[in-house]
All heavy atoms as atom14 arrays in JSON, in Angstrom:
{
  "sequence": "KRPRSVWSVKVPKDERENGAALLDERIERLRELLCPVLGWQDDVPT",
  "atom14_mask": [
    [1, 1, 1, 1, 1, 1, 1, 1, 1, 0, 0, 0, 0, 0],
    [1, 1, 1, 1, 1, 1, 1, 1, 1, 1, 1, 0, 0, 0],
    [1, 1, 1, 1, 1, 1, 1, 0, 0, 0, 0, 0, 0, 0],
    [1, 1, 1, 1, 1, 1, 1, 1, 1, 1, 1, 0, 0, 0],
    [1, 1, 1, 1, 1, 1, 0, 0, 0, 0, 0, 0, 0, 0],
    [1, 1, 1, 1, 1, 1, 1, 0, 0, 0, 0, 0, 0, 0],
    [1, 1, 1, 1, 1, 1, 1, 1, 1, 1, 1, 1, 1, 1],
    [1, 1, 1, 1, 1, 1, 0, 0, 0, 0, 0, 0, 0, 0],
    [1, 1, 1, 1, 1, 1, 1, 0, 0, 0, 0, 0, 0, 0],
    [1, 1, 1, 1, 1, 1, 1, 1, 1, 0, 0, 0, 0, 0],
    [1, 1, 1, 1, 1, 1, 1, 0, 0, 0, 0, 0, 0, 0],
    [1, 1, 1, 1, 1, 1, 1, 0, 0, 0, 0, 0, 0, 0],
    [1, 1, 1, 1, 1, 1, 1, 1, 1, 0, 0, 0, 0, 0],
    [1, 1, 1, 1, 1, 1, 1, 1, 0, 0, 0, 0, 0, 0],
    [1, 1, 1, 1, 1, 1, 1, 1, 1, 0, 0, 0, 0, 0],
    [1, 1, 1, 1, 1, 1, 1, 1, 1, 1, 1, 0, 0, 0],
    [1, 1, 1, 1, 1, 1, 1, 1, 1, 0, 0, 0, 0, 0],
    [1, 1, 1, 1, 1, 1, 1, 1, 0, 0, 0, 0, 0, 0],
    [1, 1, 1, 1, 0, 0, 0, 0, 0, 0, 0, 0, 0, 0],
    [1, 1, 1, 1, 1, 0, 0, 0, 0, 0, 0, 0, 0, 0],
    [1, 1, 1, 1, 1, 0, 0, 0, 0, 0, 0, 0, 0, 0],
    [1, 1, 1, 1, 1, 1, 1, 1, 0, 0, 0, 0, 0, 0],
    [1, 1, 1, 1, 1, 1, 1, 1, 0, 0, 0, 0, 0, 0],
    [1, 1, 1, 1, 1, 1, 1, 1, 0, 0, 0, 0, 0, 0],
    [1, 1, 1, 1, 1, 1, 1, 1, 1, 0, 0, 0, 0, 0],
    [1, 1, 1, 1, 1, 1, 1, 1, 1, 1, 1, 0, 0, 0],
    [1, 1, 1, 1, 1, 1, 1, 1, 0, 0, 0, 0, 0, 0],
    [1, 1, 1, 1, 1, 1, 1, 1, 1, 0, 0, 0, 0, 0],
    [1, 1, 1, 1, 1, 1, 1, 1, 1, 1, 1, 0, 0, 0],
    [1, 1, 1, 1, 1, 1, 1, 1, 0, 0, 0, 0, 0, 0],
    [1, 1, 1, 1, 1, 1, 1, 1, 1, 1, 1, 0, 0, 0],
    [1, 1, 1, 1, 1, 1, 1, 1, 1, 0, 0, 0, 0, 0],
    [1, 1, 1, 1, 1, 1, 1, 1, 0, 0, 0, 0, 0, 0],
    [1, 1, 1, 1, 1, 1, 1, 1, 0, 0, 0, 0, 0, 0],
    [1, 1, 1, 1, 1, 1, 0, 0, 0, 0, 0, 0, 0, 0],
    [1, 1, 1, 1, 1, 1, 1, 0, 0, 0, 0, 0, 0, 0],
    [1, 1, 1, 1, 1, 1, 1, 0, 0, 0, 0, 0, 0, 0],
    [1, 1, 1, 1, 1, 1, 1, 1, 0, 0, 0, 0, 0, 0],
    [1, 1, 1, 1, 0, 0, 0, 0, 0, 0, 0, 0, 0, 0],
    [1, 1, 1, 1, 1, 1, 1, 1, 1, 1, 1, 1, 1, 1],
    [1, 1, 1, 1, 1, 1, 1, 1, 1, 0, 0, 0, 0, 0],
    [1, 1, 1, 1, 1, 1, 1, 1, 0, 0, 0, 0, 0, 0],
    [1, 1, 1, 1, 1, 1, 1, 1, 0, 0, 0, 0, 0, 0],
    [1, 1, 1, 1, 1, 1, 1, 0, 0, 0, 0, 0, 0, 0],
    [1, 1, 1, 1, 1, 1, 1, 0, 0, 0, 0, 0, 0, 0],
    [1, 1, 1, 1, 1, 1, 1, 0, 0, 0, 0, 0, 0, 0]
  ],
  "atom14_positions": [
    [[-43.78, -10.84, 7.44], [-42.82, -10.24, 8.49], [-42.38, -11.34, 9.43], [-43.16, -12.18, 9.75], [-43.54, -9.11, 9.17], [-43.62, -7.89, 8.38], [-43.92, -6.72, 9.3], [-43.81, -5.42, 8.51], [-43.97, -4.26, 9.34], [0.0, 0.0, 0.0], [0.0, 0.0, 0.0], [0.0, 0.0, 0.0], [0.0, 0.0, 0.0], [0.0, 0.0, 0.0]],
    [[-41.15, -11.24, 9.86], [-40.62, -12.13, 10.9], [-41.22, -11.76, 12.17], [-41.32, -10.59, 12.56], [-39.12, -11.98, 10.88], [-38.39, -12.97, 11.75], [-36.89, -12.76, 11.48], [-36.21, -13.09, 12.7], [-35.65, -12.21, 13.5], [-35.67, -10.95, 13.24], [-35.02, -12.63, 14.58], [0.0, 0.0, 0.0], [0.0, 0.0, 0.0], [0.0, 0.0, 0.0]],
    [[-41.66, -12.72, 13.07], [-42.23, -12.43, 14.32], [-41.19, -11.78, 15.25], [-39.97, -12.09, 15.16], [-42.71, -13.75, 14.89], [-41.85, -14.75, 14.15], [-41.53, -14.18, 12.87], [0.0, 0.0, 0.0], [0.0, 0.0, 0.0], [0.0, 0.0, 0.0], [0.0, 0.0, 0.0], [0.0, 0.0, 0.0], [0.0, 0.0, 0.0], [0.0, 0.0, 0.0]],
    [[-41.63, -10.98, 16.14], [-40.74, -10.36, 17.11], [-40.39, -11.37, 18.16], [-41.08, -12.29, 18.41], [-41.47, -9.14, 17.83], [-41.7, -7.99, 16.94], [-42.22, -6.84, 17.74], [-42.33, -5.65, 16.94], [-41.42, -4.7, 16.91], [-40.35, -4.84, 17.62], [-41.54, -3.66, 16.13], [0.0, 0.0, 0.0], [0.0, 0.0, 0.0], [0.0, 0.0, 0.0]],
    [[-39.25, -11.14, 18.82], [-38.76, -11.99, 19.85], [-39.71, -11.78, 21.05], [-40.27, -10.7, 21.3], [-37.39, -11.64, 20.33], [-36.46, -11.83, 19.22], [0.0, 0.0, 0.0], [0.0, 0.0, 0.0], [0.0, 0.0, 0.0], [0.0, 0.0, 0.0], [0.0, 0.0, 0.0], [0.0, 0.0, 0.0], [0.0, 0.0, 0.0], [0.0, 0.0, 0.0]],
    [[-39.88, -12.84, 21.84], [-40.67, -12.78, 23.01], [-39.73, -12.75, 24.23], [-38.9, -13.66, 24.36], [-41.66, -13.97, 23.1], [-42.41, -14.0, 24.43], [-42.59, -13.98, 21.96], [0.0, 0.0, 0.0], [0.0, 0.0, 0.0], [0.0, 0.0, 0.0], [0.0, 0.0, 0.0], [0.0, 0.0, 0.0], [0.0, 0.0, 0.0], [0.0, 0.0, 0.0]],
    [[-39.87, -11.82, 25.07], [-39.03, -11.69, 26.24], [-39.95, -11.86, 27.52], [-40.89, -11.1, 27.64], [-38.37, -10.35, 26.31], [-37.31, -10.17, 25.27], [-37.42, -10.07, 23.99], [-35.94, -10.01, 25.52], [-36.27, -9.93, 23.33], [-35.3, -9.82, 24.25], [-35.11, -9.96, 26.67], [-33.92, -9.67, 24.11], [-33.77, -9.78, 26.52], [-33.19, -9.64, 25.22]],
    [[-39.68, -12.84, 28.29], [-40.4, -13.04, 29.54], [-39.45, -12.61, 30.66], [-38.36, -13.12, 30.77], [-40.76, -14.51, 29.71], [-41.39, -14.7, 30.96], [0.0, 0.0, 0.0], [0.0, 0.0, 0.0], [0.0, 0.0, 0.0], [0.0, 0.0, 0.0], [0.0, 0.0, 0.0], [0.0, 0.0, 0.0], [0.0, 0.0, 0.0], [0.0, 0.0, 0.0]],
    [[-39.86, -11.59, 31.39], [-38.97, -11.04, 32.41], [-39.57, -11.11, 33.77], [-40.76, -10.76, 33.98], [-38.66, -9.56, 32.08], [-37.81, -8.92, 33.12], [-38.06, -9.41, 30.74], [0.0, 0.0, 0.0], [0.0, 0.0, 0.0], [0.0, 0.0, 0.0], [0.0, 0.0, 0.0], [0.0, 0.0, 0.0], [0.0, 0.0, 0.0], [0.0, 0.0, 0.0]],
    [[-38.87, -11.68, 34.73], [-39.3, -11.77, 36.11], [-38.78, -10.51, 36.81], [-37.56, -10.29, 36.84], [-38.72, -13.03, 36.75], [-38.89, -13.07, 38.27], [-40.22, -13.59, 38.68], [-40.34, -13.95, 40.16], [-40.62, -12.93, 41.01], [0.0, 0.0, 0.0], [0.0, 0.0, 0.0], [0.0, 0.0, 0.0], [0.0, 0.0, 0.0], [0.0, 0.0, 0.0]],
    [[-39.71, -9.69, 37.25], [-39.31, -8.5, 38.02], [-39.84, -8.55, 39.39], [-40.82, -9.26, 39.65], [-39.82, -7.23, 37.26], [-39.19, -7.05, 35.91], [-41.33, -7.22, 37.18], [0.0, 0.0, 0.0], [0.0, 0.0, 0.0], [0.0, 0.0, 0.0], [0.0, 0.0, 0.0], [0.0, 0.0, 0.0], [0.0, 0.0, 0.0], [0.0, 0.0, 0.0]],
    [[-39.24, -7.81, 40.33], [-39.78, -7.79, 41.68], [-41.23, -7.34, 41.69], [-41.6, -6.42, 40.98], [-38.86, -6.81, 42.44], [-37.65, -6.75, 41.63], [-38.05, -7.0, 40.21], [0.0, 0.0, 0.0], [0.0, 0.0, 0.0], [0.0, 0.0, 0.0], [0.0, 0.0, 0.0], [0.0, 0.0, 0.0], [0.0, 0.0, 0.0], [0.0, 0.0, 0.0]],
    [[-42.05, -8.05, 42.44], [-43.49, -7.72, 42.54], [-43.71, -6.39, 43.3], [-44.55, -5.59, 42.95], [-44.29, -8.8, 43.22], [-44.26, -10.09, 42.42], [-44.95, -11.2, 43.18], [-44.72, -12.52, 42.43], [-44.87, -13.67, 43.25], [0.0, 0.0, 0.0], [0.0, 0.0, 0.0], [0.0, 0.0, 0.0], [0.0, 0.0, 0.0], [0.0, 0.0, 0.0]],
    [[-42.94, -6.22, 44.31], [-43.02, -4.95, 45.07], [-41.68, -4.81, 45.9], [-40.8, -5.62, 45.66], [-44.26, -4.92, 45.97], [-44.31, -6.13, 46.91], [-43.23, -6.55, 47.4], [-45.4, -6.61, 47.22], [0.0, 0.0, 0.0], [0.0, 0.0, 0.0], [0.0, 0.0, 0.0], [0.0, 0.0, 0.0], [0.0, 0.0, 0.0], [0.0, 0.0, 0.0]],
    [[-41.64, -3.83, 46.73], [-40.4, -3.51, 47.43], [-39.98, -4.64, 48.4], [-38.87, -4.68, 48.88], [-40.49, -2.21, 48.14], [-41.47, -2.1, 49.27], [-42.95, -1.83, 48.82], [-43.13, -1.59, 47.62], [-43.82, -1.85, 49.66], [0.0, 0.0, 0.0], [0.0, 0.0, 0.0], [0.0, 0.0, 0.0], [0.0, 0.0, 0.0], [0.0, 0.0, 0.0]],
    [[-40.93, -5.55, 48.7], [-40.6, -6.64, 49.66], [-39.75, -7.72, 48.98], [-39.05, -8.46, 49.6], [-41.87, -7.3, 50.24], [-42.62, -6.34, 51.17], [-43.91, -6.93, 51.57], [-44.74, -6.93, 50.37], [-45.95, -7.42, 50.34], [-46.51, -7.96, 51.36], [-46.66, -7.39, 49.2], [0.0, 0.0, 0.0], [0.0, 0.0, 0.0], [0.0, 0.0, 0.0]],
    [[-39.83, -7.82, 47.64], [-39.06, -8.81, 46.92], [-37.7, -8.2, 46.6], [-37.64, -7.13, 46.08], [-39.77, -9.28, 45.64], [-39.15, -10.5, 45.04], [-40.05, -11.14, 43.99], [-41.01, -10.49, 43.57], [-39.75, -12.26, 43.61], [0.0, 0.0, 0.0], [0.0, 0.0, 0.0], [0.0, 0.0, 0.0], [0.0, 0.0, 0.0], [0.0, 0.0, 0.0]],
    [[-36.64, -8.93, 46.84], [-35.3, -8.42, 46.72], [-34.83, -8.46, 45.24], [-34.43, -9.55, 44.76], [-34.4, -9.21, 47.63], [-33.01, -8.66, 47.7], [-32.56, -7.89, 46.85], [-32.29, -9.01, 48.72], [0.0, 0.0, 0.0], [0.0, 0.0, 0.0], [0.0, 0.0, 0.0], [0.0, 0.0, 0.0], [0.0, 0.0, 0.0], [0.0, 0.0, 0.0]],
    [[-34.81, -7.35, 44.56], [-34.36, -7.27, 43.21], [-32.93, -7.65, 43.03], [-32.53, -8.26, 42.08], [0.0, 0.0, 0.0], [0.0, 0.0, 0.0], [0.0, 0.0, 0.0], [0.0, 0.0, 0.0], [0.0, 0.0, 0.0], [0.0, 0.0, 0.0], [0.0, 0.0, 0.0], [0.0, 0.0, 0.0], [0.0, 0.0, 0.0], [0.0, 0.0, 0.0]],
    [[-32.06, -7.26, 43.99], [-30.62, -7.61, 43.94], [-30.44, -9.11, 44.02], [-29.59, -9.67, 43.34], [-29.9, -6.88, 45.11], [0.0, 0.0, 0.0], [0.0, 0.0, 0.0], [0.0, 0.0, 0.0], [0.0, 0.0, 0.0], [0.0, 0.0, 0.0], [0.0, 0.0, 0.0], [0.0, 0.0, 0.0], [0.0, 0.0, 0.0], [0.0, 0.0, 0.0]],
    [[-31.21, -9.78, 44.85], [-31.14, -11.22, 44.9], [-31.53, -11.88, 43.63], [-30.92, -12.86, 43.12], [-32.0, -11.75, 46.08], [0.0, 0.0, 0.0], [0.0, 0.0, 0.0], [0.0, 0.0, 0.0], [0.0, 0.0, 0.0], [0.0, 0.0, 0.0], [0.0, 0.0, 0.0], [0.0, 0.0, 0.0], [0.0, 0.0, 0.0], [0.0, 0.0, 0.0]],
    [[-32.6, -11.38, 43.0], [-33.02, -11.89, 41.66], [-31.91, -11.7, 40.65], [-31.59, -12.66, 39.87], [-34.26, -11.14, 41.18], [-35.56, -11.45, 41.88], [-36.65, -10.52, 41.33], [-35.96, -12.9, 41.75], [0.0, 0.0, 0.0], [0.0, 0.0, 0.0], [0.0, 0.0, 0.0], [0.0, 0.0, 0.0], [0.0, 0.0, 0.0], [0.0, 0.0, 0.0]],
    [[-31.25, -10.53, 40.67], [-30.09, -10.3, 39.73], [-28.97, -11.25, 40.03], [-28.36, -11.82, 39.11], [-29.64, -8.85, 39.79], [-28.54, -8.47, 38.86], [-28.97, -8.68, 37.44], [-28.17, -7.0, 39.14], [0.0, 0.0, 0.0], [0.0, 0.0, 0.0], [0.0, 0.0, 0.0], [0.0, 0.0, 0.0], [0.0, 0.0, 0.0], [0.0, 0.0, 0.0]],
    [[-28.61, -11.47, 41.31], [-27.56, -12.34, 41.66], [-27.87, -13.82, 41.2], [-26.98, -14.51, 40.7], [-27.32, -12.38, 43.17], [-26.69, -11.09, 43.69], [-26.14, -10.37, 42.87], [-26.78, -10.79, 44.91], [0.0, 0.0, 0.0], [0.0, 0.0, 0.0], [0.0, 0.0, 0.0], [0.0, 0.0, 0.0], [0.0, 0.0, 0.0], [0.0, 0.0, 0.0]],
    [[-29.12, -14.22, 41.32], [-29.5, -15.58, 40.84], [-29.28, -15.69, 39.38], [-28.75, -16.71, 38.86], [-30.98, -15.87, 41.16], [-31.27, -16.08, 42.63], [-32.78, -16.13, 42.92], [-33.6, -16.31, 41.91], [-33.17, -16.01, 44.05], [0.0, 0.0, 0.0], [0.0, 0.0, 0.0], [0.0, 0.0, 0.0], [0.0, 0.0, 0.0], [0.0, 0.0, 0.0]],
    [[-29.73, -14.68, 38.6], [-29.59, -14.73, 37.11], [-28.08, -14.76, 36.7], [-27.69, -15.45, 35.83], [-30.29, -13.55, 36.45], [-31.77, -13.4, 36.71], [-32.48, -14.67, 36.55], [-33.91, -14.55, 36.67], [-34.58, -14.48, 37.8], [-33.95, -14.6, 38.95], [-35.91, -14.37, 37.8], [0.0, 0.0, 0.0], [0.0, 0.0, 0.0], [0.0, 0.0, 0.0]],
    [[-27.3, -13.92, 37.38], [-25.86, -13.9, 37.07], [-25.22, -15.23, 37.34], [-24.4, -15.73, 36.56], [-25.15, -12.71, 37.81], [-25.62, -11.38, 37.25], [-23.67, -12.81, 37.71], [-25.16, -10.17, 38.04], [0.0, 0.0, 0.0], [0.0, 0.0, 0.0], [0.0, 0.0, 0.0], [0.0, 0.0, 0.0], [0.0, 0.0, 0.0], [0.0, 0.0, 0.0]],
    [[-25.53, -15.84, 38.47], [-24.98, -17.14, 38.81], [-25.45, -18.2, 37.74], [-24.61, -18.98, 37.35], [-25.36, -17.57, 40.19], [-24.67, -18.85, 40.65], [-23.17, -18.76, 40.52], [-22.53, -17.71, 40.81], [-22.56, -19.81, 40.23], [0.0, 0.0, 0.0], [0.0, 0.0, 0.0], [0.0, 0.0, 0.0], [0.0, 0.0, 0.0], [0.0, 0.0, 0.0]],
    [[-26.67, -18.16, 37.37], [-27.18, -19.09, 36.35], [-26.41, -18.86, 35.0], [-26.05, -19.81, 34.29], [-28.66, -18.98, 36.16], [-29.24, -19.89, 35.14], [-29.21, -21.33, 35.57], [-29.69, -22.16, 34.49], [-29.17, -23.26, 34.07], [-28.05, -23.69, 34.64], [-29.65, -23.96, 33.09], [0.0, 0.0, 0.0], [0.0, 0.0, 0.0], [0.0, 0.0, 0.0]],
    [[-26.19, -17.6, 34.67], [-25.46, -17.22, 33.48], [-24.06, -17.8, 33.54], [-23.51, -18.33, 32.54], [-25.44, -15.72, 33.33], [-24.95, -15.11, 32.03], [-25.82, -15.56, 30.9], [-25.03, -13.64, 32.15], [0.0, 0.0, 0.0], [0.0, 0.0, 0.0], [0.0, 0.0, 0.0], [0.0, 0.0, 0.0], [0.0, 0.0, 0.0], [0.0, 0.0, 0.0]],
    [[-23.41, -17.64, 34.68], [-22.08, -18.16, 34.87], [-22.07, -19.67, 34.63], [-21.19, -20.27, 33.95], [-21.58, -17.85, 36.25], [-20.13, -18.35, 36.54], [-19.81, -18.28, 37.98], [-19.91, -16.99, 38.58], [-18.88, -16.17, 38.78], [-17.71, -16.49, 38.34], [-19.09, -15.01, 39.35], [0.0, 0.0, 0.0], [0.0, 0.0, 0.0], [0.0, 0.0, 0.0]],
    [[-23.06, -20.42, 35.21], [-23.13, -21.92, 35.07], [-23.26, -22.29, 33.62], [-22.7, -23.26, 33.2], [-24.35, -22.37, 35.87], [-24.19, -22.34, 37.34], [-25.47, -22.63, 38.05], [-26.46, -23.02, 37.39], [-25.58, -22.45, 39.27], [0.0, 0.0, 0.0], [0.0, 0.0, 0.0], [0.0, 0.0, 0.0], [0.0, 0.0, 0.0], [0.0, 0.0, 0.0]],
    [[-24.07, -21.47, 32.83], [-24.27, -21.84, 31.49], [-23.09, -21.44, 30.57], [-22.72, -22.19, 29.68], [-25.53, -21.14, 30.95], [-26.87, -21.61, 31.57], [-27.97, -20.68, 31.11], [-27.17, -23.03, 31.14], [0.0, 0.0, 0.0], [0.0, 0.0, 0.0], [0.0, 0.0, 0.0], [0.0, 0.0, 0.0], [0.0, 0.0, 0.0], [0.0, 0.0, 0.0]],
    [[-22.55, -20.25, 30.73], [-21.56, -19.71, 29.81], [-20.14, -20.21, 30.02], [-19.42, -20.4, 29.06], [-21.61, -18.21, 29.79], [-22.7, -17.54, 29.01], [-22.56, -16.03, 29.1], [-22.81, -17.99, 27.56], [0.0, 0.0, 0.0], [0.0, 0.0, 0.0], [0.0, 0.0, 0.0], [0.0, 0.0, 0.0], [0.0, 0.0, 0.0], [0.0, 0.0, 0.0]],
    [[-19.72, -20.35, 31.3], [-18.36, -20.72, 31.52], [-17.93, -21.97, 30.77], [-16.88, -22.01, 30.13], [-18.09, -20.79, 33.02], [-17.93, -19.13, 33.77], [0.0, 0.0, 0.0], [0.0, 0.0, 0.0], [0.0, 0.0, 0.0], [0.0, 0.0, 0.0], [0.0, 0.0, 0.0], [0.0, 0.0, 0.0], [0.0, 0.0, 0.0], [0.0, 0.0, 0.0]],
    [[-18.68, -23.09, 30.86], [-18.3, -24.28, 30.15], [-18.28, -24.11, 28.62], [-17.38, -24.58, 27.9], [-19.35, -25.34, 30.54], [-20.01, -24.82, 31.72], [-19.86, -23.37, 31.7], [0.0, 0.0, 0.0], [0.0, 0.0, 0.0], [0.0, 0.0, 0.0], [0.0, 0.0, 0.0], [0.0, 0.0, 0.0], [0.0, 0.0, 0.0], [0.0, 0.0, 0.0]],
    [[-19.26, -23.31, 28.11], [-19.32, -23.09, 26.65], [-18.15, -22.3, 26.15], [-17.59, -22.56, 25.08], [-20.68, -22.38, 26.3], [-20.72, -21.93, 24.91], [-21.84, -23.25, 26.63], [0.0, 0.0, 0.0], [0.0, 0.0, 0.0], [0.0, 0.0, 0.0], [0.0, 0.0, 0.0], [0.0, 0.0, 0.0], [0.0, 0.0, 0.0], [0.0, 0.0, 0.0]],
    [[-17.73, -21.32, 26.91], [-16.68, -20.39, 26.49], [-15.27, -20.9, 26.97], [-14.3, -20.24, 26.68], [-16.95, -19.0, 27.03], [-18.25, -18.33, 26.5], [-18.46, -16.99, 27.18], [-18.19, -18.1, 25.02], [0.0, 0.0, 0.0], [0.0, 0.0, 0.0], [0.0, 0.0, 0.0], [0.0, 0.0, 0.0], [0.0, 0.0, 0.0], [0.0, 0.0, 0.0]],
    [[-15.26, -22.01, 27.73], [-14.01, -22.54, 28.17], [-13.37, -21.74, 29.35], [-12.17, -21.79, 29.58], [0.0, 0.0, 0.0], [0.0, 0.0, 0.0], [0.0, 0.0, 0.0], [0.0, 0.0, 0.0], [0.0, 0.0, 0.0], [0.0, 0.0, 0.0], [0.0, 0.0, 0.0], [0.0, 0.0, 0.0], [0.0, 0.0, 0.0], [0.0, 0.0, 0.0]],
    [[-14.17, -21.03, 30.07], [-13.72, -20.22, 31.19], [-13.76, -21.09, 32.47], [-14.6, -21.95, 32.62], [-14.57, -18.98, 31.4], [-14.5, -17.98, 30.29], [-13.57, -17.94, 29.29], [-15.34, -16.88, 30.1], [-13.8, -16.84, 28.46], [-14.92, -16.21, 28.92], [-16.5, -16.39, 30.76], [-15.57, -15.06, 28.48], [-17.12, -15.27, 30.24], [-16.64, -14.63, 29.11]],
    [[-12.88, -20.71, 33.45], [-12.92, -21.29, 34.75], [-14.16, -20.75, 35.49], [-14.64, -19.65, 35.23], [-11.66, -20.97, 35.53], [-10.38, -21.46, 34.91], [-10.34, -22.99, 34.91], [-10.79, -23.64, 35.81], [-9.91, -23.58, 33.83], [0.0, 0.0, 0.0], [0.0, 0.0, 0.0], [0.0, 0.0, 0.0], [0.0, 0.0, 0.0], [0.0, 0.0, 0.0]],
    [[-14.62, -21.5, 36.53], [-15.8, -21.07, 37.33], [-15.52, -19.82, 38.14], [-16.46, -19.18, 38.58], [-16.22, -22.16, 38.21], [-16.82, -23.38, 37.46], [-17.23, -23.18, 36.3], [-16.93, -24.44, 38.08], [0.0, 0.0, 0.0], [0.0, 0.0, 0.0], [0.0, 0.0, 0.0], [0.0, 0.0, 0.0], [0.0, 0.0, 0.0], [0.0, 0.0, 0.0]],
    [[-14.21, -19.47, 38.32], [-13.96, -18.35, 39.2], [-13.64, -16.99, 38.43], [-13.11, -16.12, 38.97], [-12.76, -18.65, 40.11], [-11.47, -19.01, 39.32], [-11.57, -19.14, 38.08], [-10.42, -19.08, 39.95], [0.0, 0.0, 0.0], [0.0, 0.0, 0.0], [0.0, 0.0, 0.0], [0.0, 0.0, 0.0], [0.0, 0.0, 0.0], [0.0, 0.0, 0.0]],
    [[-14.09, -16.92, 37.17], [-13.93, -15.72, 36.45], [-14.72, -14.58, 37.15], [-15.72, -14.88, 37.81], [-14.35, -15.81, 34.96], [-13.55, -16.83, 34.21], [-15.85, -16.03, 34.8], [0.0, 0.0, 0.0], [0.0, 0.0, 0.0], [0.0, 0.0, 0.0], [0.0, 0.0, 0.0], [0.0, 0.0, 0.0], [0.0, 0.0, 0.0], [0.0, 0.0, 0.0]],
    [[-14.28, -13.34, 36.96], [-15.05, -12.26, 37.55], [-16.52, -12.28, 37.16], [-16.82, -12.62, 35.98], [-14.34, -11.02, 37.1], [-12.93, -11.44, 36.8], [-13.07, -12.86, 36.3], [0.0, 0.0, 0.0], [0.0, 0.0, 0.0], [0.0, 0.0, 0.0], [0.0, 0.0, 0.0], [0.0, 0.0, 0.0], [0.0, 0.0, 0.0], [0.0, 0.0, 0.0]],
    [[-17.35, -11.95, 38.05], [-18.8, -11.99, 37.83], [-19.24, -11.23, 36.53], [-20.17, -11.71, 35.81], [-19.63, -11.4, 39.02], [-19.19, -12.1, 40.18], [-21.03, -11.44, 38.83], [0.0, 0.0, 0.0], [0.0, 0.0, 0.0], [0.0, 0.0, 0.0], [0.0, 0.0, 0.0], [0.0, 0.0, 0.0], [0.0, 0.0, 0.0], [0.0, 0.0, 0.0]]
  ]
}
């Protein structure tokens, strides 16, 4: 059998950690990685 994919997920530890900020960081990193690959401008909608 083919091994299952491994997903490592960073989630907020508790209500003091800002989940929205974590999501914003990931989206911005995604934008940095994908825009050059897909030929998009940096100012495409989030």
